Amino acid sequence: MAAFFSVTLAVSMVGLITLLVLKHYEINSNRVFLGRVRPVLGNFFHRVLVFFERGVPSAMRAFVLRAARAGRSRMHQVLVQAVLLSERGLEYALHLVRQKSQTPRGEGVASQFLQEVAAHKQKLLRRTPSKRMIFDE
């Protein structure tokens, strides 16, 4: 890491010294070094700067929005799978509870009282919903 920074510093120093020597030459000789190329280079570097100022941030913003949408969609899928898995587990547990708590049914005939209760219940269920309510006064 130190070598990378040392090399970068050395290259920067050589570049700055070269730039200062060229400027010193221009000032002393009253000649512009690469005078015809400067407008073209200025235009090129302006375009590059605009690209990095506007193009890269907008591309990154679009990438982040796309990634957020994809993440949201994936999170939705994971939550749906979790809900379905928990629902399946609850149904299985309910099935086990029903299976284990089922009372054995008798083979014989129900008592007279239970038959009367069942008949009364059927009679109540055949009435309209508004008349099904029983109020004790």
C-alpha atoms as a PDB file:
ATOM      1  CA  MET A   1       0.000   0.000   0.000  1.00  0.00           C
ATOM      2  CA  ALA A   2       2.834   2.339   0.863  1.00  0.00           C
ATOM      3  CA  ALA A   3       4.471   1.536  -2.481  1.00  0.00           C
ATOM      4  CA  PHE A   4       1.279   2.478  -4.351  1.00  0.00           C
ATOM      5  CA  PHE A   5       1.053   5.836  -2.591  1.00  0.00           C
ATOM      6  CA  SER A   6       4.774   6.487  -3.079  1.00  0.00           C
ATOM      7  CA  VAL A   7       4.535   5.801  -6.817  1.00  0.00           C
ATOM      8  CA  THR A   8       1.418   7.965  -7.086  1.00  0.00           C
ATOM      9  CA  LEU A   9       3.197  10.799  -5.275  1.00  0.00           C
ATOM     10  CA  ALA A  10       6.232  10.481  -7.553  1.00  0.00           C
ATOM     11  CA  VAL A  11       4.101  10.541 -10.722  1.00  0.00           C
ATOM     12  CA  SER A  12       2.212  13.574  -9.427  1.00  0.00           C
ATOM     13  CA  MET A  13       5.435  15.383  -8.643  1.00  0.00           C
ATOM     14  CA  VAL A  14       6.871  14.660 -12.116  1.00  0.00           C
ATOM     15  CA  GLY A  15       3.636  15.908 -13.708  1.00  0.00           C
ATOM     16  CA  LEU A  16       3.612  19.123 -11.690  1.00  0.00           C
ATOM     17  CA  ILE A  17       7.288  19.810 -12.376  1.00  0.00           C
ATOM     18  CA  THR A  18       6.718  19.230 -16.110  1.00  0.00           C
ATOM     19  CA  LEU A  19       3.737  21.595 -16.045  1.00  0.00           C
ATOM     20  CA  LEU A  20       5.753  24.282 -14.251  1.00  0.00           C
ATOM     21  CA  VAL A  21       8.653  23.931 -16.733  1.00  0.00           C
ATOM     22  CA  LEU A  22       6.238  24.266 -19.689  1.00  0.00           C
ATOM     23  CA  LYS A  23       4.593  27.345 -18.162  1.00  0.00           C
ATOM     24  CA  HIS A  24       8.000  28.875 -17.499  1.00  0.00           C
ATOM     25  CA  TYR A  25       8.943  28.236 -21.152  1.00  0.00           C
ATOM     26  CA  GLU A  26       5.669  29.835 -22.385  1.00  0.00           C
ATOM     27  CA  ILE A  27       6.158  32.932 -20.233  1.00  0.00           C
ATOM     28  CA  ASN A  28       9.792  33.457 -21.237  1.00  0.00           C
ATOM     29  CA  SER A  29       9.361  32.790 -24.982  1.00  0.00           C
ATOM     30  CA  ASN A  30       5.874  34.369 -25.413  1.00  0.00           C
ATOM     31  CA  ARG A  31       4.832  31.274 -27.337  1.00  0.00           C
ATOM     32  CA  VAL A  32       1.836  29.128 -26.418  1.00  0.00           C
ATOM     33  CA  PHE A  33       2.692  25.467 -26.204  1.00  0.00           C
ATOM     34  CA  LEU A  34       0.139  23.346 -28.179  1.00  0.00           C
ATOM     35  CA  GLY A  35      -2.008  26.432 -28.838  1.00  0.00           C
ATOM     36  CA  ARG A  36      -4.213  24.811 -31.476  1.00  0.00           C
ATOM     37  CA  VAL A  37      -4.828  21.698 -29.418  1.00  0.00           C
ATOM     38  CA  ARG A  38      -5.940  23.474 -26.235  1.00  0.00           C
ATOM     39  CA  PRO A  39      -9.541  24.279 -27.350  1.00  0.00           C
ATOM     40  CA  VAL A  40     -10.039  20.671 -28.469  1.00  0.00           C
ATOM     41  CA  LEU A  41      -8.618  19.345 -25.201  1.00  0.00           C
ATOM     42  CA  GLY A  42     -10.707  21.830 -23.216  1.00  0.00           C
ATOM     43  CA  ASN A  43     -13.851  20.694 -25.018  1.00  0.00           C
ATOM     44  CA  PHE A  44     -12.954  17.024 -24.464  1.00  0.00           C
ATOM     45  CA  PHE A  45     -12.263  17.495 -20.765  1.00  0.00           C
ATOM     46  CA  HIS A  46     -15.458  19.526 -20.406  1.00  0.00           C
ATOM     47  CA  ARG A  47     -17.456  16.598 -21.831  1.00  0.00           C
ATOM     48  CA  VAL A  48     -15.654  14.164 -19.538  1.00  0.00           C
ATOM     49  CA  LEU A  49     -16.361  16.408 -16.544  1.00  0.00           C
ATOM     50  CA  VAL A  50     -20.049  16.724 -17.448  1.00  0.00           C
ATOM     51  CA  PHE A  51     -20.239  12.945 -17.808  1.00  0.00           C
ATOM     52  CA  PHE A  52     -18.772  12.428 -14.336  1.00  0.00           C
ATOM     53  CA  GLU A  53     -20.873  15.237 -12.834  1.00  0.00           C
ATOM     54  CA  ARG A  54     -24.236  14.208 -14.288  1.00  0.00           C
ATOM     55  CA  GLY A  55     -24.015  10.874 -16.087  1.00  0.00           C
ATOM     56  CA  VAL A  56     -22.408   8.795 -13.389  1.00  0.00           C
ATOM     57  CA  PRO A  57     -24.653  10.027 -10.523  1.00  0.00           C
ATOM     58  CA  SER A  58     -27.828   9.505 -12.566  1.00  0.00           C
ATOM     59  CA  ALA A  59     -26.659   6.022 -13.580  1.00  0.00           C
ATOM     60  CA  MET A  60     -25.884   5.214  -9.951  1.00  0.00           C
ATOM     61  CA  ARG A  61     -29.269   6.560  -8.869  1.00  0.00           C
ATOM     62  CA  ALA A  62     -31.013   4.384 -11.462  1.00  0.00           C
ATOM     63  CA  PHE A  63     -28.965   1.377 -10.360  1.00  0.00           C
ATOM     64  CA  VAL A  64     -29.813   1.951  -6.702  1.00  0.00           C
ATOM     65  CA  LEU A  65     -33.524   2.354  -7.503  1.00  0.00           C
ATOM     66  CA  ARG A  66     -33.486  -0.825  -9.593  1.00  0.00           C
ATOM     67  CA  ALA A  67     -31.670  -2.682  -6.810  1.00  0.00           C
ATOM     68  CA  ALA A  68     -34.150  -1.357  -4.218  1.00  0.00           C
ATOM     69  CA  ARG A  69     -37.080  -2.525  -6.349  1.00  0.00           C
ATOM     70  CA  ALA A  70     -35.495  -5.936  -6.798  1.00  0.00           C
ATOM     71  CA  GLY A  71     -34.769  -6.147  -3.064  1.00  0.00           C
ATOM     72  CA  ARG A  72     -38.319  -5.148  -2.216  1.00  0.00           C
ATOM     73  CA  SER A  73     -39.671  -7.756  -4.625  1.00  0.00           C
ATOM     74  CA  ARG A  74     -37.402 -10.438  -3.188  1.00  0.00           C
ATOM     75  CA  MET A  75     -38.387  -9.476   0.363  1.00  0.00           C
ATOM     76  CA  HIS A  76     -42.043  -9.743  -0.653  1.00  0.00           C
ATOM     77  CA  GLN A  77     -41.419 -13.229  -2.049  1.00  0.00           C
ATOM     78  CA  VAL A  78     -39.613 -14.295   1.114  1.00  0.00           C
ATOM     79  CA  LEU A  79     -42.436 -12.988   3.301  1.00  0.00           C
ATOM     80  CA  VAL A  80     -45.047 -14.752   1.167  1.00  0.00           C
ATOM     81  CA  GLN A  81     -43.096 -18.011   1.448  1.00  0.00           C
ATOM     82  CA  ALA A  82     -42.795 -17.537   5.223  1.00  0.00           C
ATOM     83  CA  VAL A  83     -46.520 -16.899   5.577  1.00  0.00           C
ATOM     84  CA  LEU A  84     -47.361 -19.931   3.440  1.00  0.00           C
ATOM     85  CA  LEU A  85     -44.947 -22.104   5.398  1.00  0.00           C
ATOM     86  CA  SER A  86     -46.375 -20.957   8.732  1.00  0.00           C
ATOM     87  CA  GLU A  87     -49.912 -21.479   7.418  1.00  0.00           C
ATOM     88  CA  ARG A  88     -48.986 -24.996   6.323  1.00  0.00           C
ATOM     89  CA  GLY A  89     -47.491 -25.667   9.765  1.00  0.00           C
ATOM     90  CA  LEU A  90     -50.580 -24.337  11.516  1.00  0.00           C
ATOM     91  CA  GLU A  91     -52.844 -26.480   9.334  1.00  0.00           C
ATOM     92  CA  TYR A  92     -50.726 -29.516  10.152  1.00  0.00           C
ATOM     93  CA  ALA A  93     -50.904 -28.701  13.877  1.00  0.00           C
ATOM     94  CA  LEU A  94     -54.677 -28.246  13.624  1.00  0.00           C
ATOM     95  CA  HIS A  95     -54.965 -31.574  11.832  1.00  0.00           C
ATOM     96  CA  LEU A  96     -52.955 -33.246  14.629  1.00  0.00           C
ATOM     97  CA  VAL A  97     -55.053 -31.595  17.334  1.00  0.00           C
ATOM     98  CA  ARG A  98     -58.267 -32.712  15.642  1.00  0.00           C
ATOM     99  CA  GLN A  99     -56.922 -36.209  15.194  1.00  0.00           C
ATOM    100  CA  LYS A 100     -55.734 -36.537  18.798  1.00  0.00           C
ATOM    101  CA  SER A 101     -58.723 -34.870  20.438  1.00  0.00           C
ATOM    102  CA  GLN A 102     -61.470 -36.654  18.541  1.00  0.00           C
ATOM    103  CA  THR A 103     -63.787 -38.427  20.960  1.00  0.00           C
ATOM    104  CA  PRO A 104     -64.741 -41.947  20.122  1.00  0.00           C
ATOM    105  CA  ARG A 105     -68.261 -42.187  18.809  1.00  0.00           C
ATOM    106  CA  GLY A 106     -70.635 -44.687  20.208  1.00  0.00           C
ATOM    107  CA  GLU A 107     -72.153 -47.291  17.992  1.00  0.00           C
ATOM    108  CA  GLY A 108     -75.542 -47.129  19.658  1.00  0.00           C
ATOM    109  CA  VAL A 109     -78.545 -44.859  19.252  1.00  0.00           C
ATOM    110  CA  ALA A 110     -78.553 -41.401  20.869  1.00  0.00           C
ATOM    111  CA  SER A 111     -80.733 -40.894  23.919  1.00  0.00           C
ATOM    112  CA  GLN A 112     -84.230 -39.483  23.621  1.00  0.00           C
ATOM    113  CA  PHE A 113     -83.097 -36.178  25.125  1.00  0.00           C
ATOM    114  CA  LEU A 114     -80.257 -35.730  22.571  1.00  0.00           C
ATOM    115  CA  GLN A 115     -82.636 -36.548  19.731  1.00  0.00           C
ATOM    116  CA  GLU A 116     -85.055 -33.853  20.969  1.00  0.00           C
ATOM    117  CA  VAL A 117     -82.199 -31.318  21.257  1.00  0.00           C
ATOM    118  CA  ALA A 118     -81.043 -32.090  17.669  1.00  0.00           C
ATOM    119  CA  ALA A 119     -84.610 -31.761  16.341  1.00  0.00           C
ATOM    120  CA  HIS A 120     -85.069 -28.427  18.147  1.00  0.00           C
ATOM    121  CA  LYS A 121     -81.750 -27.182  16.766  1.00  0.00           C
ATOM    122  CA  GLN A 122     -82.772 -28.114  13.216  1.00  0.00           C
ATOM    123  CA  LYS A 123     -86.065 -26.323  13.715  1.00  0.00           C
ATOM    124  CA  LEU A 124     -84.250 -23.174  14.901  1.00  0.00           C
ATOM    125  CA  LEU A 125     -81.854 -23.267  11.962  1.00  0.00           C
ATOM    126  CA  ARG A 126     -84.716 -23.421   9.453  1.00  0.00           C
ATOM    127  CA  ARG A 127     -86.084 -20.092  10.696  1.00  0.00           C
ATOM    128  CA  THR A 128     -84.990 -16.763   9.201  1.00  0.00           C
ATOM    129  CA  PRO A 129     -81.918 -15.199  10.822  1.00  0.00           C
ATOM    130  CA  SER A 130     -83.904 -12.400  12.417  1.00  0.00           C
ATOM    131  CA  LYS A 131     -86.251 -14.889  14.099  1.00  0.00           C
ATOM    132  CA  ARG A 132     -83.443 -17.211  15.265  1.00  0.00           C
ATOM    133  CA  MET A 133     -82.472 -14.943  18.145  1.00  0.00           C
ATOM    134  CA  ILE A 134     -83.834 -15.973  21.510  1.00  0.00           C
ATOM    135  CA  PHE A 135     -84.047 -13.331  24.201  1.00  0.00           C
ATOM    136  CA  ASP A 136     -84.695 -14.202  27.819  1.00  0.00           C
ATOM    137  CA  GLU A 137     -86.706 -11.592  29.570  1.00  0.00           C
END
